[in-house]
Amino acid sequence: MNNEISLIITRDLDRLSEEIRAFEQEENLWKVKGHVTNPAGNLCLHLVGNLSNYIGAILGRSGYIRNRDAEFSLRNVSKKELLEQITKVKHTIAQTLAHLTPEQLQAPYPEQVLGYQMTV
């Protein structure tokens, strides 16, 4: 099961990378317009932050320290840096999931993320 979860997350992060690369002008990653209140760059930072925290730090003990506020307040992070962060979190996820045993997957998740207990 670990491999399948890793493949799904990797597939979706590859798609995120494609979307970030599609911005021909880097400054457009940080624009908001109309009902769009979170620019693409911040959404990318937030996705990477979630995965780095909930999989990397909590399950993999990676040492990652999340700054959730920065995920939505930082601006003008380069496209190159966003893509590097996506690549790094893909590696962290693969490493973490590869080392989880079936018993660990069935254990309670260490935090109540949605307000109730669930398994890893």
C-alpha atoms as a PDB file:
ATOM      1  CA  MET A   1       0.000   0.000   0.000  1.00  0.00           C
ATOM      2  CA  ASN A   2       2.864   2.386   0.756  1.00  0.00           C
ATOM      3  CA  ASN A   3       4.091   2.239  -2.824  1.00  0.00           C
ATOM      4  CA  GLU A   4       0.640   2.986  -4.232  1.00  0.00           C
ATOM      5  CA  ILE A   5       0.175   5.983  -1.933  1.00  0.00           C
ATOM      6  CA  SER A   6       3.620   7.264  -2.866  1.00  0.00           C
ATOM      7  CA  LEU A   7       2.867   6.846  -6.580  1.00  0.00           C
ATOM      8  CA  ILE A   8      -0.395   8.781  -6.306  1.00  0.00           C
ATOM      9  CA  ILE A   9       1.178  11.654  -4.393  1.00  0.00           C
ATOM     10  CA  THR A  10       4.174  11.715  -6.741  1.00  0.00           C
ATOM     11  CA  ARG A  11       1.869  11.765  -9.766  1.00  0.00           C
ATOM     12  CA  ASP A  12      -0.026  14.727  -8.362  1.00  0.00           C
ATOM     13  CA  LEU A  13       3.154  16.582  -7.418  1.00  0.00           C
ATOM     14  CA  ASP A  14       4.440  16.032 -10.961  1.00  0.00           C
ATOM     15  CA  ARG A  15       1.238  17.658 -12.201  1.00  0.00           C
ATOM     16  CA  LEU A  16       1.788  20.536  -9.796  1.00  0.00           C
ATOM     17  CA  SER A  17       5.305  20.963 -11.231  1.00  0.00           C
ATOM     18  CA  GLU A  18       3.827  21.058 -14.744  1.00  0.00           C
ATOM     19  CA  GLU A  19       1.383  23.771 -13.680  1.00  0.00           C
ATOM     20  CA  ILE A  20       4.129  25.857 -12.081  1.00  0.00           C
ATOM     21  CA  ARG A  21       6.321  25.475 -15.203  1.00  0.00           C
ATOM     22  CA  ALA A  22       3.385  26.623 -17.357  1.00  0.00           C
ATOM     23  CA  PHE A  23       3.674  30.148 -15.963  1.00  0.00           C
ATOM     24  CA  GLU A  24       5.735  31.847 -18.658  1.00  0.00           C
ATOM     25  CA  GLN A  25       6.074  35.006 -16.598  1.00  0.00           C
ATOM     26  CA  GLU A  26       7.138  34.274 -13.029  1.00  0.00           C
ATOM     27  CA  GLU A  27       5.362  37.297 -11.605  1.00  0.00           C
ATOM     28  CA  ASN A  28       2.036  35.742 -12.629  1.00  0.00           C
ATOM     29  CA  LEU A  29       2.555  33.049  -9.981  1.00  0.00           C
ATOM     30  CA  TRP A  30       1.848  35.777  -7.412  1.00  0.00           C
ATOM     31  CA  LYS A  31      -1.117  37.577  -8.956  1.00  0.00           C
ATOM     32  CA  VAL A  32      -4.662  37.567  -7.639  1.00  0.00           C
ATOM     33  CA  LYS A  33      -7.654  38.680  -9.632  1.00  0.00           C
ATOM     34  CA  GLY A  34     -11.376  38.656  -9.052  1.00  0.00           C
ATOM     35  CA  HIS A  35     -12.364  35.704  -6.902  1.00  0.00           C
ATOM     36  CA  VAL A  36      -8.838  34.284  -6.933  1.00  0.00           C
ATOM     37  CA  THR A  37      -7.548  35.216  -3.476  1.00  0.00           C
ATOM     38  CA  ASN A  38      -4.656  32.774  -3.204  1.00  0.00           C
ATOM     39  CA  PRO A  39      -2.087  33.037  -5.976  1.00  0.00           C
ATOM     40  CA  ALA A  40      -0.677  29.857  -7.493  1.00  0.00           C
ATOM     41  CA  GLY A  41       2.671  30.374  -5.794  1.00  0.00           C
ATOM     42  CA  ASN A  42       1.086  30.414  -2.346  1.00  0.00           C
ATOM     43  CA  LEU A  43      -1.037  27.374  -3.101  1.00  0.00           C
ATOM     44  CA  CYS A  44       2.125  25.550  -4.132  1.00  0.00           C
ATOM     45  CA  LEU A  45       3.866  26.568  -0.899  1.00  0.00           C
ATOM     46  CA  HIS A  46       0.828  25.423   1.092  1.00  0.00           C
ATOM     47  CA  LEU A  47       0.680  22.005  -0.576  1.00  0.00           C
ATOM     48  CA  VAL A  48       4.397  21.477  -0.037  1.00  0.00           C
ATOM     49  CA  GLY A  49       4.034  22.666   3.558  1.00  0.00           C
ATOM     50  CA  ASN A  50       1.173  20.259   4.267  1.00  0.00           C
ATOM     51  CA  LEU A  51       3.028  17.260   2.876  1.00  0.00           C
ATOM     52  CA  SER A  52       6.326  18.248   4.476  1.00  0.00           C
ATOM     53  CA  ASN A  53       4.596  18.555   7.824  1.00  0.00           C
ATOM     54  CA  TYR A  54       2.031  15.751   7.928  1.00  0.00           C
ATOM     55  CA  ILE A  55       4.104  13.109   6.154  1.00  0.00           C
ATOM     56  CA  GLY A  56       7.702  14.300   6.453  1.00  0.00           C
ATOM     57  CA  ALA A  57       7.860  15.808   9.933  1.00  0.00           C
ATOM     58  CA  ILE A  58       5.209  13.842  11.791  1.00  0.00           C
ATOM     59  CA  LEU A  59       5.542  10.405  10.223  1.00  0.00           C
ATOM     60  CA  GLY A  60       9.132  10.574   8.970  1.00  0.00           C
ATOM     61  CA  ARG A  61      10.642  12.751  11.685  1.00  0.00           C
ATOM     62  CA  SER A  62      12.388  14.779   9.002  1.00  0.00           C
ATOM     63  CA  GLY A  63      12.998  17.782  11.227  1.00  0.00           C
ATOM     64  CA  TYR A  64      10.847  20.031   9.030  1.00  0.00           C
ATOM     65  CA  ILE A  65       9.382  22.965  10.964  1.00  0.00           C
ATOM     66  CA  ARG A  66       6.270  24.381   9.388  1.00  0.00           C
ATOM     67  CA  ASN A  67       5.537  28.073   9.030  1.00  0.00           C
ATOM     68  CA  ARG A  68       1.956  27.935   7.798  1.00  0.00           C
ATOM     69  CA  ASP A  69       1.521  31.719   7.844  1.00  0.00           C
ATOM     70  CA  ALA A  70       4.460  32.093   5.436  1.00  0.00           C
ATOM     71  CA  GLU A  71       2.819  29.648   3.036  1.00  0.00           C
ATOM     72  CA  PHE A  72       0.190  32.324   2.421  1.00  0.00           C
ATOM     73  CA  SER A  73       2.176  35.515   2.996  1.00  0.00           C
ATOM     74  CA  LEU A  74       5.418  34.922   1.086  1.00  0.00           C
ATOM     75  CA  ARG A  75       5.574  36.454  -2.359  1.00  0.00           C
ATOM     76  CA  ASN A  76       7.962  36.349  -5.268  1.00  0.00           C
ATOM     77  CA  VAL A  77       9.548  33.006  -4.468  1.00  0.00           C
ATOM     78  CA  SER A  78      11.196  32.044  -7.735  1.00  0.00           C
ATOM     79  CA  LYS A  79       9.715  29.388  -9.978  1.00  0.00           C
ATOM     80  CA  LYS A  80      13.002  27.516  -9.633  1.00  0.00           C
ATOM     81  CA  GLU A  81      12.702  27.489  -5.821  1.00  0.00           C
ATOM     82  CA  LEU A  82       9.061  26.305  -5.961  1.00  0.00           C
ATOM     83  CA  LEU A  83      10.057  23.443  -8.260  1.00  0.00           C
ATOM     84  CA  GLU A  84      12.978  22.552  -5.976  1.00  0.00           C
ATOM     85  CA  GLN A  85      10.629  22.426  -2.987  1.00  0.00           C
ATOM     86  CA  ILE A  86       8.270  20.109  -4.890  1.00  0.00           C
ATOM     87  CA  THR A  87      11.185  17.818  -5.774  1.00  0.00           C
ATOM     88  CA  LYS A  88      12.385  17.794  -2.173  1.00  0.00           C
ATOM     89  CA  VAL A  89       8.966  16.903  -0.748  1.00  0.00           C
ATOM     90  CA  LYS A  90       8.592  14.105  -3.331  1.00  0.00           C
ATOM     91  CA  HIS A  91      11.837  12.608  -2.024  1.00  0.00           C
ATOM     92  CA  THR A  92      10.730  13.039   1.598  1.00  0.00           C
ATOM     93  CA  ILE A  93       7.413  11.320   0.909  1.00  0.00           C
ATOM     94  CA  ALA A  94       9.026   8.410  -0.911  1.00  0.00           C
ATOM     95  CA  GLN A  95      11.548   7.907   1.892  1.00  0.00           C
ATOM     96  CA  THR A  96       8.967   8.187   4.663  1.00  0.00           C
ATOM     97  CA  LEU A  97       6.377   5.902   3.110  1.00  0.00           C
ATOM     98  CA  ALA A  98       8.968   3.295   2.150  1.00  0.00           C
ATOM     99  CA  HIS A  99       9.832   2.833   5.823  1.00  0.00           C
ATOM    100  CA  LEU A 100       6.315   2.580   7.249  1.00  0.00           C
ATOM    101  CA  THR A 101       5.236  -0.917   8.202  1.00  0.00           C
ATOM    102  CA  PRO A 102       1.673  -2.199   7.693  1.00  0.00           C
ATOM    103  CA  GLU A 103       1.267  -1.971  11.459  1.00  0.00           C
ATOM    104  CA  GLN A 104       2.306   1.676  11.455  1.00  0.00           C
ATOM    105  CA  LEU A 105      -0.185   2.425   8.683  1.00  0.00           C
ATOM    106  CA  GLN A 106      -2.958   0.973  10.837  1.00  0.00           C
ATOM    107  CA  ALA A 107      -1.865   2.819  13.980  1.00  0.00           C
ATOM    108  CA  PRO A 108      -3.596   6.029  15.068  1.00  0.00           C
ATOM    109  CA  TYR A 109      -2.182   9.132  13.385  1.00  0.00           C
ATOM    110  CA  PRO A 110      -0.220  11.095  16.023  1.00  0.00           C
ATOM    111  CA  GLU A 111      -2.427  14.200  15.680  1.00  0.00           C
ATOM    112  CA  GLN A 112      -6.129  14.845  15.268  1.00  0.00           C
ATOM    113  CA  VAL A 113      -5.792  16.839  12.045  1.00  0.00           C
ATOM    114  CA  LEU A 114      -9.509  17.087  11.286  1.00  0.00           C
ATOM    115  CA  GLY A 115     -10.625  17.112  14.899  1.00  0.00           C
ATOM    116  CA  TYR A 116     -11.011  13.360  15.290  1.00  0.00           C
ATOM    117  CA  GLN A 117      -8.781  10.306  15.506  1.00  0.00           C
ATOM    118  CA  MET A 118      -7.878   8.427  12.320  1.00  0.00           C
ATOM    119  CA  THR A 119      -5.234   5.929  11.250  1.00  0.00           C
ATOM    120  CA  VAL A 120      -2.059   6.853   9.463  1.00  0.00           C
END
